[in-house]
């Protein structure tokens, strides 16, 4: 499996519906006057904040509404922020928290006494208990209207890196899968790999991340 950056993608998605939806979403998240204004004016403290916000309406309608704003409003950070919050949901709203069905209360490395050092065992258990806080499912809203979402749809449970990162990343998946296997979560690990294989089926390669801007041609 190869991973490539957005600018290096030579393959169009094989799923025509996804390709159209991705292109429509890209008009808001990847280019255009609205994104340019939001990022240039530093409307949010983190430049990633805006591109993680799902749309409340179709991208064409939002861009049309932005175009109809007075020039002063388009150039005022507070007025622009109010516009964005009216037309977008909070970051990550298209992801549903979940606890994987194969999450064991007692990980195998504890049950089998594989870690004998008490401090290391406590540390490992603390890491194991983070899994439910990092697991997400794609909300049904993404399946129904993928053109409104800042997240590529996933059929299987995702495990996020955490913090400000609200999508999966190709490189992180290697270490996440290793950790899941250590925790005895084989089904969840298989789902993560299948998500990557689904990307290959859709795009012809594995994009760096799970946002609509990563697999752009």
N, C-alpha and C. Protein backbone atom coordinates (compact mmCIF):
# COMPACT_ATOMS: atom_id res chain seq x y z
N UNK A 1 0.85 -1.19 0.00
CA UNK A 1 0.00 0.00 0.00
C UNK A 1 0.88 1.23 0.00
N UNK A 2 0.58 2.17 -0.90
CA UNK A 2 1.36 3.39 -0.97
C UNK A 2 0.58 4.53 -0.34
N UNK A 3 1.29 5.46 0.25
CA UNK A 3 0.64 6.66 0.75
C UNK A 3 1.18 7.85 -0.02
N UNK A 4 0.32 8.75 -0.40
CA UNK A 4 0.74 9.92 -1.17
C UNK A 4 0.04 11.15 -0.62
N UNK A 5 0.69 12.29 -0.81
CA UNK A 5 0.09 13.54 -0.40
C UNK A 5 -0.94 14.00 -1.39
N UNK A 6 -1.68 15.04 -1.01
CA UNK A 6 -2.79 15.50 -1.83
C UNK A 6 -2.35 15.88 -3.25
N UNK A 7 -1.22 16.57 -3.36
CA UNK A 7 -0.81 17.08 -4.67
C UNK A 7 -0.29 15.98 -5.58
N UNK A 8 -0.07 14.78 -5.04
CA UNK A 8 0.55 13.72 -5.83
C UNK A 8 -0.46 12.69 -6.32
N UNK A 9 -1.75 12.89 -6.07
CA UNK A 9 -2.74 11.88 -6.42
C UNK A 9 -3.00 11.84 -7.92
N UNK A 10 -2.68 10.72 -8.60
CA UNK A 10 -2.92 10.63 -10.04
C UNK A 10 -4.23 9.92 -10.37
N UNK A 11 -4.91 9.37 -9.35
CA UNK A 11 -6.06 8.53 -9.61
C UNK A 11 -7.35 9.20 -9.16
N UNK A 12 -8.36 9.27 -10.02
CA UNK A 12 -9.66 9.74 -9.58
C UNK A 12 -10.33 8.66 -8.74
N UNK A 13 -11.19 9.03 -7.79
CA UNK A 13 -11.91 8.02 -7.01
C UNK A 13 -12.71 7.11 -7.93
N UNK A 14 -12.78 5.84 -7.60
CA UNK A 14 -13.53 4.90 -8.41
C UNK A 14 -15.02 5.01 -8.11
N UNK A 15 -15.37 5.54 -6.95
CA UNK A 15 -16.76 5.75 -6.59
C UNK A 15 -17.17 7.13 -7.10
N UNK A 16 -18.00 7.14 -8.15
CA UNK A 16 -18.36 8.42 -8.78
C UNK A 16 -19.14 9.32 -7.84
N UNK A 17 -19.99 8.74 -7.01
CA UNK A 17 -20.78 9.54 -6.06
C UNK A 17 -19.86 10.21 -5.05
N UNK A 18 -18.90 9.45 -4.54
CA UNK A 18 -17.95 10.02 -3.59
C UNK A 18 -17.11 11.09 -4.25
N UNK A 19 -16.74 10.89 -5.50
CA UNK A 19 -15.92 11.87 -6.20
C UNK A 19 -16.65 13.20 -6.33
N UNK A 20 -17.92 13.16 -6.67
CA UNK A 20 -18.70 14.39 -6.80
C UNK A 20 -18.86 15.06 -5.44
N UNK A 21 -19.17 14.26 -4.41
CA UNK A 21 -19.35 14.81 -3.06
C UNK A 21 -18.06 15.45 -2.56
N UNK A 22 -16.94 14.79 -2.83
CA UNK A 22 -15.65 15.30 -2.37
C UNK A 22 -15.31 16.62 -3.05
N UNK A 23 -15.63 16.72 -4.33
CA UNK A 23 -15.36 17.95 -5.06
C UNK A 23 -16.24 19.09 -4.55
N UNK A 24 -17.47 18.80 -4.23
CA UNK A 24 -18.37 19.83 -3.70
C UNK A 24 -17.88 20.31 -2.33
N UNK A 25 -17.47 19.37 -1.49
CA UNK A 25 -16.96 19.74 -0.17
C UNK A 25 -15.66 20.54 -0.29
N UNK A 26 -14.84 20.19 -1.28
CA UNK A 26 -13.56 20.86 -1.46
C UNK A 26 -13.74 22.34 -1.79
N UNK A 27 -14.87 22.71 -2.38
CA UNK A 27 -15.13 24.11 -2.71
C UNK A 27 -15.19 24.98 -1.47
N UNK A 28 -15.44 24.35 -0.32
CA UNK A 28 -15.49 25.08 0.95
C UNK A 28 -14.23 24.84 1.78
N UNK A 29 -13.82 23.57 1.88
CA UNK A 29 -12.74 23.22 2.79
C UNK A 29 -11.34 23.38 2.19
N UNK A 30 -11.24 23.41 0.88
CA UNK A 30 -9.92 23.39 0.24
C UNK A 30 -9.57 24.64 -0.55
N UNK A 31 -10.55 25.43 -0.89
CA UNK A 31 -10.30 26.61 -1.71
C UNK A 31 -11.52 27.52 -1.64
N UNK A 32 -11.44 28.63 -2.32
CA UNK A 32 -12.61 29.51 -2.42
C UNK A 32 -12.54 30.69 -1.47
N UNK A 33 -13.43 31.66 -1.67
CA UNK A 33 -13.39 32.92 -0.92
C UNK A 33 -13.68 32.77 0.57
N UNK A 34 -14.55 31.84 0.93
CA UNK A 34 -14.90 31.69 2.34
C UNK A 34 -13.70 31.16 3.13
N UNK A 35 -13.11 30.08 2.67
CA UNK A 35 -11.95 29.55 3.37
C UNK A 35 -10.82 30.57 3.41
N UNK A 36 -10.61 31.27 2.31
CA UNK A 36 -9.55 32.27 2.25
C UNK A 36 -9.77 33.35 3.30
N UNK A 37 -11.01 33.82 3.42
CA UNK A 37 -11.30 34.88 4.39
C UNK A 37 -11.14 34.38 5.82
N UNK A 38 -11.67 33.19 6.10
CA UNK A 38 -11.59 32.64 7.46
C UNK A 38 -10.15 32.46 7.90
N UNK A 39 -9.33 31.93 7.02
CA UNK A 39 -7.94 31.66 7.40
C UNK A 39 -7.09 32.92 7.41
N UNK A 40 -7.30 33.81 6.46
CA UNK A 40 -6.51 35.04 6.44
C UNK A 40 -6.81 35.92 7.65
N UNK A 41 -8.05 35.95 8.09
CA UNK A 41 -8.43 36.77 9.23
C UNK A 41 -8.22 36.07 10.56
N UNK A 42 -7.74 34.82 10.49
CA UNK A 42 -7.50 34.05 11.73
C UNK A 42 -8.74 34.07 12.63
N UNK A 43 -9.87 33.73 12.03
CA UNK A 43 -11.14 33.76 12.76
C UNK A 43 -11.09 32.82 13.96
N UNK A 44 -10.42 31.69 13.80
CA UNK A 44 -10.27 30.74 14.90
C UNK A 44 -8.78 30.63 15.25
N UNK A 45 -8.51 30.35 16.51
CA UNK A 45 -7.12 30.30 16.96
C UNK A 45 -6.32 29.21 16.27
N UNK A 46 -6.99 28.14 15.88
CA UNK A 46 -6.34 27.02 15.22
C UNK A 46 -6.83 26.96 13.78
N UNK A 47 -5.91 27.00 12.83
CA UNK A 47 -6.30 26.98 11.42
C UNK A 47 -7.03 25.71 11.02
N UNK A 48 -6.90 24.65 11.82
CA UNK A 48 -7.57 23.39 11.53
C UNK A 48 -9.04 23.41 11.96
N UNK A 49 -9.41 24.35 12.79
CA UNK A 49 -10.75 24.39 13.37
C UNK A 49 -11.82 24.45 12.28
N UNK A 50 -11.67 25.37 11.34
CA UNK A 50 -12.69 25.59 10.33
C UNK A 50 -12.89 24.37 9.44
N UNK A 51 -11.80 23.76 8.99
CA UNK A 51 -11.92 22.64 8.05
C UNK A 51 -12.44 21.38 8.72
N UNK A 52 -12.58 21.39 10.03
CA UNK A 52 -13.16 20.26 10.76
C UNK A 52 -14.64 20.48 11.08
N UNK A 53 -15.22 21.56 10.58
CA UNK A 53 -16.61 21.89 10.89
C UNK A 53 -17.53 21.40 9.77
N UNK A 54 -18.43 20.46 10.07
CA UNK A 54 -19.40 20.02 9.05
C UNK A 54 -20.38 21.14 8.70
N UNK A 55 -20.88 21.11 7.49
CA UNK A 55 -21.81 22.15 7.03
C UNK A 55 -23.25 21.83 7.43
N UNK A 56 -23.98 22.87 7.78
CA UNK A 56 -25.41 22.72 8.08
C UNK A 56 -26.25 22.72 6.81
N UNK A 57 -25.72 23.22 5.72
CA UNK A 57 -26.43 23.29 4.44
C UNK A 57 -25.49 22.85 3.34
N UNK A 58 -25.99 22.79 2.12
CA UNK A 58 -25.14 22.41 1.00
C UNK A 58 -24.07 23.47 0.75
N UNK A 59 -22.89 23.05 0.29
CA UNK A 59 -21.79 24.01 0.09
C UNK A 59 -22.15 25.16 -0.85
N UNK A 60 -22.92 24.87 -1.88
CA UNK A 60 -23.28 25.92 -2.83
C UNK A 60 -24.14 26.99 -2.16
N UNK A 61 -25.03 26.55 -1.28
CA UNK A 61 -25.89 27.51 -0.58
C UNK A 61 -25.08 28.37 0.40
N UNK A 62 -24.12 27.75 1.07
CA UNK A 62 -23.29 28.50 2.01
C UNK A 62 -22.42 29.51 1.28
N UNK A 63 -21.82 29.09 0.18
CA UNK A 63 -20.98 30.02 -0.59
C UNK A 63 -21.81 31.15 -1.17
N UNK A 64 -23.04 30.85 -1.55
CA UNK A 64 -23.92 31.89 -2.07
C UNK A 64 -24.27 32.89 -0.97
N UNK A 65 -24.53 32.37 0.23
CA UNK A 65 -24.84 33.25 1.36
C UNK A 65 -23.65 34.12 1.73
N UNK A 66 -22.45 33.54 1.66
CA UNK A 66 -21.26 34.32 1.95
C UNK A 66 -21.07 35.43 0.92
N UNK A 67 -21.29 35.09 -0.33
CA UNK A 67 -21.13 36.07 -1.40
C UNK A 67 -22.11 37.24 -1.24
N UNK A 68 -23.24 36.98 -0.60
CA UNK A 68 -24.24 38.02 -0.40
C UNK A 68 -23.99 38.88 0.83
N UNK A 69 -23.01 38.49 1.64
CA UNK A 69 -22.66 39.30 2.81
C UNK A 69 -22.07 40.63 2.36
N UNK A 70 -22.33 41.70 3.10
CA UNK A 70 -21.66 42.98 2.80
C UNK A 70 -20.15 42.81 2.89
N UNK A 71 -19.43 43.57 2.12
CA UNK A 71 -17.97 43.48 2.11
C UNK A 71 -17.39 43.68 3.50
N UNK A 72 -18.00 44.55 4.28
CA UNK A 72 -17.51 44.80 5.63
C UNK A 72 -17.60 43.54 6.49
N UNK A 73 -18.72 42.81 6.35
CA UNK A 73 -18.89 41.59 7.13
C UNK A 73 -17.90 40.51 6.71
N UNK A 74 -17.57 40.46 5.43
CA UNK A 74 -16.62 39.47 4.94
C UNK A 74 -15.21 39.73 5.44
N UNK A 75 -14.95 40.95 5.86
CA UNK A 75 -13.61 41.32 6.30
C UNK A 75 -13.51 41.56 7.80
N UNK A 76 -14.60 41.32 8.53
CA UNK A 76 -14.60 41.51 9.98
C UNK A 76 -14.55 40.14 10.67
N UNK A 77 -13.52 39.86 11.46
CA UNK A 77 -13.38 38.53 12.07
C UNK A 77 -14.58 38.11 12.91
N UNK A 78 -15.13 39.01 13.71
CA UNK A 78 -16.24 38.64 14.57
C UNK A 78 -17.52 38.37 13.77
N UNK A 79 -17.79 39.20 12.78
CA UNK A 79 -18.97 38.99 11.95
C UNK A 79 -18.82 37.72 11.11
N UNK A 80 -17.61 37.47 10.64
CA UNK A 80 -17.37 36.27 9.86
C UNK A 80 -17.48 35.02 10.74
N UNK A 81 -17.01 35.11 11.96
CA UNK A 81 -17.14 33.99 12.88
C UNK A 81 -18.61 33.67 13.14
N UNK A 82 -19.42 34.70 13.32
CA UNK A 82 -20.86 34.49 13.53
C UNK A 82 -21.49 33.82 12.31
N UNK A 83 -21.06 34.22 11.12
CA UNK A 83 -21.57 33.61 9.90
C UNK A 83 -21.21 32.12 9.85
N UNK A 84 -19.95 31.81 10.16
CA UNK A 84 -19.50 30.41 10.11
C UNK A 84 -20.27 29.58 11.13
N UNK A 85 -20.43 30.07 12.34
CA UNK A 85 -21.12 29.29 13.37
C UNK A 85 -22.60 29.12 13.05
N UNK A 86 -23.15 30.02 12.25
CA UNK A 86 -24.55 29.87 11.83
C UNK A 86 -24.70 28.79 10.77
N UNK A 87 -23.69 28.64 9.93
CA UNK A 87 -23.80 27.73 8.79
C UNK A 87 -23.04 26.42 8.96
N UNK A 88 -22.28 26.30 10.05
CA UNK A 88 -21.50 25.08 10.27
C UNK A 88 -21.75 24.53 11.68
N UNK A 89 -21.59 23.23 11.81
CA UNK A 89 -21.65 22.58 13.11
C UNK A 89 -20.28 22.62 13.78
N UNK A 90 -20.21 22.35 15.08
CA UNK A 90 -18.90 22.35 15.75
C UNK A 90 -17.95 21.30 15.15
N UNK A 91 -16.66 21.51 15.27
CA UNK A 91 -15.70 20.54 14.74
C UNK A 91 -15.93 19.14 15.29
N UNK A 92 -15.87 18.17 14.42
CA UNK A 92 -16.02 16.79 14.85
C UNK A 92 -17.44 16.32 15.04
N UNK A 93 -18.42 17.15 14.70
CA UNK A 93 -19.82 16.78 14.93
C UNK A 93 -20.28 15.62 14.05
N UNK A 94 -19.52 15.31 13.00
CA UNK A 94 -19.90 14.22 12.12
C UNK A 94 -19.37 12.87 12.59
N UNK A 95 -18.76 12.86 13.77
CA UNK A 95 -18.21 11.63 14.34
C UNK A 95 -18.94 11.29 15.64
N UNK A 96 -19.34 10.04 15.79
CA UNK A 96 -20.03 9.59 16.99
C UNK A 96 -19.05 8.82 17.88
N UNK A 97 -18.92 9.22 19.15
CA UNK A 97 -18.08 8.44 20.07
C UNK A 97 -18.63 7.03 20.21
N UNK A 98 -17.75 6.07 20.41
CA UNK A 98 -18.20 4.69 20.57
C UNK A 98 -17.16 3.91 21.38
N UNK A 99 -17.63 2.82 21.96
CA UNK A 99 -16.74 1.88 22.65
C UNK A 99 -16.72 0.61 21.80
N UNK A 100 -15.58 0.23 21.27
CA UNK A 100 -15.51 -0.97 20.43
C UNK A 100 -16.03 -2.20 21.17
N UNK A 101 -16.71 -3.06 20.44
CA UNK A 101 -17.29 -4.25 21.05
C UNK A 101 -16.23 -5.19 21.61
N UNK A 102 -15.03 -5.14 21.07
CA UNK A 102 -13.98 -6.05 21.54
C UNK A 102 -13.07 -5.42 22.58
N UNK A 103 -13.48 -4.27 23.14
CA UNK A 103 -12.66 -3.63 24.17
C UNK A 103 -12.76 -4.43 25.47
N UNK A 104 -11.64 -5.00 25.94
CA UNK A 104 -11.68 -5.80 27.17
C UNK A 104 -11.42 -4.93 28.40
N UNK A 105 -12.20 -5.14 29.44
CA UNK A 105 -11.96 -4.38 30.67
C UNK A 105 -10.59 -4.66 31.25
N UNK A 106 -10.17 -5.92 31.13
CA UNK A 106 -8.83 -6.31 31.59
C UNK A 106 -8.03 -6.73 30.37
N UNK A 107 -7.01 -5.97 29.99
CA UNK A 107 -6.22 -6.32 28.80
C UNK A 107 -5.44 -7.60 29.02
N UNK A 108 -5.13 -8.32 27.95
CA UNK A 108 -4.44 -9.60 28.07
C UNK A 108 -3.08 -9.50 28.74
N UNK A 109 -2.38 -8.39 28.56
CA UNK A 109 -1.05 -8.30 29.18
C UNK A 109 -1.15 -8.17 30.70
N UNK A 110 -2.32 -7.86 31.21
CA UNK A 110 -2.54 -7.87 32.66
C UNK A 110 -3.02 -9.24 33.11
N UNK A 111 -3.99 -9.78 32.36
CA UNK A 111 -4.54 -11.09 32.70
C UNK A 111 -3.48 -12.18 32.65
N UNK A 112 -2.54 -12.05 31.72
CA UNK A 112 -1.50 -13.06 31.57
C UNK A 112 -0.23 -12.75 32.36
N UNK A 113 -0.26 -11.66 33.13
CA UNK A 113 0.93 -11.24 33.89
C UNK A 113 2.14 -11.08 32.98
N UNK A 114 1.89 -10.57 31.77
CA UNK A 114 2.99 -10.39 30.81
C UNK A 114 3.92 -9.26 31.22
N UNK A 115 3.40 -8.30 31.98
CA UNK A 115 4.22 -7.19 32.47
C UNK A 115 4.36 -7.34 33.97
N UNK A 116 5.55 -7.61 34.42
CA UNK A 116 5.75 -7.87 35.85
C UNK A 116 6.08 -6.61 36.64
N UNK A 117 6.68 -5.62 35.98
CA UNK A 117 7.01 -4.38 36.68
C UNK A 117 5.72 -3.62 36.98
N UNK A 118 5.49 -3.29 38.23
CA UNK A 118 4.21 -2.69 38.64
C UNK A 118 4.00 -1.32 37.99
N UNK A 119 5.05 -0.49 37.95
CA UNK A 119 4.91 0.85 37.37
C UNK A 119 4.59 0.76 35.88
N UNK A 120 5.28 -0.14 35.18
CA UNK A 120 5.02 -0.30 33.75
C UNK A 120 3.63 -0.87 33.51
N UNK A 121 3.19 -1.77 34.39
CA UNK A 121 1.86 -2.34 34.23
C UNK A 121 0.79 -1.27 34.41
N UNK A 122 0.94 -0.41 35.42
CA UNK A 122 -0.03 0.66 35.64
C UNK A 122 -0.04 1.64 34.46
N UNK A 123 1.14 1.92 33.93
CA UNK A 123 1.23 2.82 32.78
C UNK A 123 0.54 2.19 31.56
N UNK A 124 0.76 0.91 31.34
CA UNK A 124 0.17 0.22 30.20
C UNK A 124 -1.35 0.15 30.32
N UNK A 125 -1.84 -0.08 31.53
CA UNK A 125 -3.29 -0.11 31.75
C UNK A 125 -3.90 1.27 31.48
N UNK A 126 -3.20 2.32 31.90
CA UNK A 126 -3.70 3.67 31.65
C UNK A 126 -3.79 3.95 30.15
N UNK A 127 -2.81 3.47 29.39
CA UNK A 127 -2.88 3.62 27.94
C UNK A 127 -4.03 2.81 27.35
N UNK A 128 -4.20 1.61 27.83
CA UNK A 128 -5.28 0.75 27.35
C UNK A 128 -6.64 1.41 27.57
N UNK A 129 -6.81 2.08 28.67
CA UNK A 129 -8.10 2.67 29.00
C UNK A 129 -8.41 3.92 28.17
N UNK A 130 -7.45 4.36 27.35
CA UNK A 130 -7.70 5.50 26.47
C UNK A 130 -8.49 5.11 25.22
N UNK A 131 -8.52 3.83 24.86
CA UNK A 131 -9.17 3.43 23.62
C UNK A 131 -10.60 3.95 23.47
N UNK A 132 -11.45 3.80 24.49
CA UNK A 132 -12.83 4.28 24.31
C UNK A 132 -12.92 5.80 24.10
N UNK A 133 -11.93 6.54 24.56
CA UNK A 133 -11.96 8.00 24.38
C UNK A 133 -11.51 8.41 22.99
N UNK A 134 -10.89 7.50 22.26
CA UNK A 134 -10.35 7.82 20.92
C UNK A 134 -11.14 7.20 19.78
N UNK A 135 -12.07 6.32 20.10
CA UNK A 135 -12.80 5.61 19.05
C UNK A 135 -14.02 6.40 18.58
N UNK A 136 -14.23 6.40 17.27
CA UNK A 136 -15.35 7.11 16.67
C UNK A 136 -15.94 6.27 15.52
N UNK A 137 -17.23 6.50 15.28
CA UNK A 137 -17.89 5.98 14.10
C UNK A 137 -18.34 7.15 13.24
N UNK A 138 -18.36 6.94 11.94
CA UNK A 138 -18.89 7.97 11.04
C UNK A 138 -20.38 8.11 11.28
N UNK A 139 -20.84 9.32 11.54
CA UNK A 139 -22.26 9.56 11.78
C UNK A 139 -23.07 9.32 10.52
N UNK A 140 -24.34 8.98 10.71
CA UNK A 140 -25.21 8.71 9.55
C UNK A 140 -25.35 9.93 8.66
N UNK A 141 -25.15 11.12 9.22
CA UNK A 141 -25.27 12.35 8.42
C UNK A 141 -24.23 12.39 7.30
N UNK A 142 -23.07 11.78 7.52
CA UNK A 142 -22.02 11.78 6.50
C UNK A 142 -22.42 10.88 5.33
N UNK A 143 -23.03 9.75 5.66
CA UNK A 143 -23.48 8.84 4.61
C UNK A 143 -24.59 9.46 3.79
N UNK A 144 -25.49 10.18 4.47
CA UNK A 144 -26.62 10.79 3.79
C UNK A 144 -26.20 12.00 2.95
N UNK A 145 -25.26 12.77 3.45
CA UNK A 145 -24.84 13.99 2.76
C UNK A 145 -23.33 14.16 2.85
N UNK A 146 -22.56 13.33 2.17
CA UNK A 146 -21.10 13.41 2.28
C UNK A 146 -20.52 14.73 1.78
N UNK A 147 -21.26 15.45 0.94
CA UNK A 147 -20.78 16.73 0.43
C UNK A 147 -20.81 17.83 1.48
N UNK A 148 -21.44 17.57 2.61
CA UNK A 148 -21.48 18.55 3.69
C UNK A 148 -20.44 18.27 4.78
N UNK A 149 -19.68 17.23 4.61
CA UNK A 149 -18.82 16.77 5.69
C UNK A 149 -17.35 17.09 5.47
N UNK A 150 -16.65 17.27 6.57
CA UNK A 150 -15.21 17.47 6.52
C UNK A 150 -14.46 16.17 6.79
N UNK A 151 -15.18 15.06 6.74
CA UNK A 151 -14.57 13.77 7.04
C UNK A 151 -14.92 12.77 5.95
N UNK A 152 -13.94 12.01 5.48
CA UNK A 152 -14.23 10.94 4.54
C UNK A 152 -15.02 9.84 5.26
N UNK A 153 -16.04 9.30 4.64
CA UNK A 153 -16.85 8.27 5.31
C UNK A 153 -16.05 7.01 5.56
N UNK A 154 -16.29 6.41 6.72
CA UNK A 154 -15.63 5.16 7.10
C UNK A 154 -16.69 4.12 7.47
N UNK A 155 -16.51 2.89 7.01
CA UNK A 155 -17.46 1.82 7.31
C UNK A 155 -17.19 1.19 8.67
N UNK A 156 -15.95 1.30 9.11
CA UNK A 156 -15.56 0.64 10.35
C UNK A 156 -15.13 1.67 11.40
N UNK A 157 -15.01 1.21 12.63
CA UNK A 157 -14.62 2.08 13.73
C UNK A 157 -13.27 2.71 13.43
N UNK A 158 -13.15 3.99 13.75
CA UNK A 158 -11.89 4.72 13.62
C UNK A 158 -11.27 4.91 15.00
N UNK A 159 -9.97 4.97 15.06
CA UNK A 159 -9.26 5.35 16.28
C UNK A 159 -8.46 6.60 15.96
N UNK A 160 -8.82 7.70 16.58
CA UNK A 160 -8.18 8.98 16.28
C UNK A 160 -6.88 9.15 17.05
N UNK A 161 -5.96 9.96 16.55
CA UNK A 161 -4.73 10.23 17.29
C UNK A 161 -4.98 10.97 18.60
N UNK A 162 -6.07 11.75 18.66
CA UNK A 162 -6.38 12.51 19.86
C UNK A 162 -6.02 13.98 19.71
N UNK A 163 -6.32 14.76 20.73
CA UNK A 163 -6.02 16.18 20.70
C UNK A 163 -6.83 16.89 19.63
N UNK A 164 -6.17 17.73 18.85
CA UNK A 164 -6.84 18.50 17.80
C UNK A 164 -7.08 17.71 16.52
N UNK A 165 -6.67 16.47 16.50
CA UNK A 165 -6.79 15.66 15.28
C UNK A 165 -8.09 14.86 15.33
N UNK A 166 -8.98 15.16 14.41
CA UNK A 166 -10.31 14.57 14.39
C UNK A 166 -10.52 13.67 13.19
N UNK A 167 -9.43 13.21 12.58
CA UNK A 167 -9.52 12.26 11.49
C UNK A 167 -8.40 11.25 11.64
N UNK A 168 -8.51 10.17 10.91
CA UNK A 168 -7.47 9.15 10.95
C UNK A 168 -6.29 9.58 10.08
N UNK A 169 -5.13 9.05 10.40
CA UNK A 169 -3.93 9.32 9.61
C UNK A 169 -3.24 8.00 9.28
N UNK A 170 -2.76 7.93 8.06
CA UNK A 170 -2.16 6.69 7.55
C UNK A 170 -1.02 6.20 8.45
N UNK A 171 -0.05 7.07 8.72
CA UNK A 171 1.12 6.65 9.49
C UNK A 171 0.75 6.27 10.91
N UNK A 172 -0.14 7.01 11.53
CA UNK A 172 -0.54 6.71 12.90
C UNK A 172 -1.18 5.33 13.02
N UNK A 173 -1.84 4.89 11.95
CA UNK A 173 -2.56 3.62 12.01
C UNK A 173 -1.63 2.45 12.33
N UNK A 174 -0.40 2.52 11.88
CA UNK A 174 0.55 1.44 12.17
C UNK A 174 0.70 1.24 13.67
N UNK A 175 0.95 2.34 14.38
CA UNK A 175 1.18 2.25 15.83
C UNK A 175 -0.12 1.98 16.57
N UNK A 176 -1.22 2.50 16.05
CA UNK A 176 -2.51 2.23 16.67
C UNK A 176 -2.85 0.75 16.57
N UNK A 177 -2.63 0.17 15.40
CA UNK A 177 -2.91 -1.26 15.23
C UNK A 177 -2.04 -2.10 16.16
N UNK A 178 -0.79 -1.75 16.29
CA UNK A 178 0.09 -2.48 17.22
C UNK A 178 -0.45 -2.41 18.64
N UNK A 179 -0.91 -1.23 19.05
CA UNK A 179 -1.47 -1.07 20.39
C UNK A 179 -2.76 -1.85 20.57
N UNK A 180 -3.62 -1.81 19.55
CA UNK A 180 -4.88 -2.56 19.62
C UNK A 180 -4.63 -4.06 19.77
N UNK A 181 -3.67 -4.56 19.02
CA UNK A 181 -3.35 -5.99 19.12
C UNK A 181 -2.81 -6.33 20.50
N UNK A 182 -2.01 -5.45 21.07
CA UNK A 182 -1.50 -5.68 22.43
C UNK A 182 -2.64 -5.69 23.43
N UNK A 183 -3.70 -4.94 23.14
CA UNK A 183 -4.86 -4.89 24.03
C UNK A 183 -5.87 -5.99 23.72
N UNK A 184 -5.57 -6.83 22.75
CA UNK A 184 -6.47 -7.92 22.41
C UNK A 184 -7.66 -7.50 21.55
N UNK A 185 -7.58 -6.34 20.92
CA UNK A 185 -8.70 -5.80 20.14
C UNK A 185 -8.47 -6.08 18.65
N UNK A 186 -8.54 -7.35 18.31
CA UNK A 186 -8.22 -7.79 16.95
C UNK A 186 -9.26 -7.27 15.95
N UNK A 187 -10.54 -7.33 16.29
CA UNK A 187 -11.59 -6.89 15.36
C UNK A 187 -11.47 -5.41 15.04
N UNK A 188 -11.18 -4.61 16.06
CA UNK A 188 -11.01 -3.17 15.82
C UNK A 188 -9.80 -2.91 14.94
N UNK A 189 -8.72 -3.64 15.19
CA UNK A 189 -7.51 -3.50 14.36
C UNK A 189 -7.81 -3.88 12.91
N UNK A 190 -8.55 -4.95 12.71
CA UNK A 190 -8.91 -5.36 11.35
C UNK A 190 -9.76 -4.29 10.67
N UNK A 191 -10.65 -3.65 11.43
CA UNK A 191 -11.48 -2.59 10.87
C UNK A 191 -10.66 -1.41 10.41
N UNK A 192 -9.63 -1.05 11.18
CA UNK A 192 -8.76 0.05 10.77
C UNK A 192 -8.06 -0.27 9.45
N UNK A 193 -7.58 -1.49 9.33
CA UNK A 193 -6.91 -1.89 8.09
C UNK A 193 -7.91 -1.89 6.94
N UNK A 194 -9.12 -2.34 7.19
CA UNK A 194 -10.13 -2.37 6.13
C UNK A 194 -10.49 -0.96 5.67
N UNK A 195 -10.49 0.00 6.59
CA UNK A 195 -10.72 1.39 6.20
C UNK A 195 -9.67 1.86 5.20
N UNK A 196 -8.42 1.45 5.42
CA UNK A 196 -7.35 1.82 4.50
C UNK A 196 -7.54 1.14 3.14
N UNK A 197 -7.96 -0.12 3.18
CA UNK A 197 -8.20 -0.84 1.92
C UNK A 197 -9.39 -0.23 1.17
N UNK A 198 -10.36 0.26 1.91
CA UNK A 198 -11.49 0.95 1.26
C UNK A 198 -11.00 2.21 0.54
N UNK A 199 -10.02 2.90 1.15
CA UNK A 199 -9.45 4.08 0.48
C UNK A 199 -8.76 3.69 -0.83
N UNK A 200 -8.07 2.56 -0.80
CA UNK A 200 -7.42 2.09 -2.03
C UNK A 200 -8.47 1.82 -3.11
N UNK A 201 -9.60 1.22 -2.70
CA UNK A 201 -10.66 0.94 -3.65
C UNK A 201 -11.27 2.22 -4.21
N UNK A 202 -11.34 3.26 -3.35
CA UNK A 202 -11.98 4.52 -3.77
C UNK A 202 -11.04 5.43 -4.54
N UNK A 203 -9.76 5.52 -4.08
CA UNK A 203 -8.84 6.51 -4.63
C UNK A 203 -7.67 5.91 -5.40
N UNK A 204 -7.45 4.61 -5.24
CA UNK A 204 -6.30 3.99 -5.88
C UNK A 204 -5.04 4.06 -5.03
N UNK A 205 -5.12 4.62 -3.85
CA UNK A 205 -3.98 4.74 -2.92
C UNK A 205 -4.54 5.10 -1.54
N UNK A 206 -3.68 5.12 -0.54
CA UNK A 206 -4.08 5.52 0.81
C UNK A 206 -3.68 6.97 1.03
N UNK A 207 -4.63 7.88 1.16
CA UNK A 207 -4.26 9.28 1.42
C UNK A 207 -3.66 9.42 2.82
N UNK A 208 -2.94 10.50 3.02
CA UNK A 208 -2.28 10.72 4.30
C UNK A 208 -3.27 10.79 5.45
N UNK A 209 -4.45 11.38 5.21
CA UNK A 209 -5.43 11.54 6.29
C UNK A 209 -6.84 11.36 5.79
N UNK A 210 -7.78 11.42 6.74
CA UNK A 210 -9.18 11.13 6.44
C UNK A 210 -10.05 12.33 6.18
N UNK A 211 -9.46 13.48 5.81
CA UNK A 211 -10.24 14.65 5.45
C UNK A 211 -10.37 14.75 3.94
N UNK A 212 -11.33 15.53 3.44
CA UNK A 212 -11.55 15.61 2.00
C UNK A 212 -10.42 16.28 1.23
N UNK A 213 -9.54 16.99 1.94
CA UNK A 213 -8.46 17.73 1.27
C UNK A 213 -7.26 16.84 1.00
N UNK A 214 -7.14 15.69 1.66
CA UNK A 214 -5.94 14.86 1.49
C UNK A 214 -5.89 14.15 0.13
N UNK A 215 -6.98 13.57 -0.36
CA UNK A 215 -6.88 12.85 -1.64
C UNK A 215 -7.18 13.68 -2.87
N UNK A 216 -7.07 14.99 -2.76
CA UNK A 216 -7.35 15.83 -3.93
C UNK A 216 -6.32 15.57 -5.04
N UNK A 217 -6.76 15.56 -6.29
CA UNK A 217 -5.81 15.37 -7.39
C UNK A 217 -4.95 16.60 -7.60
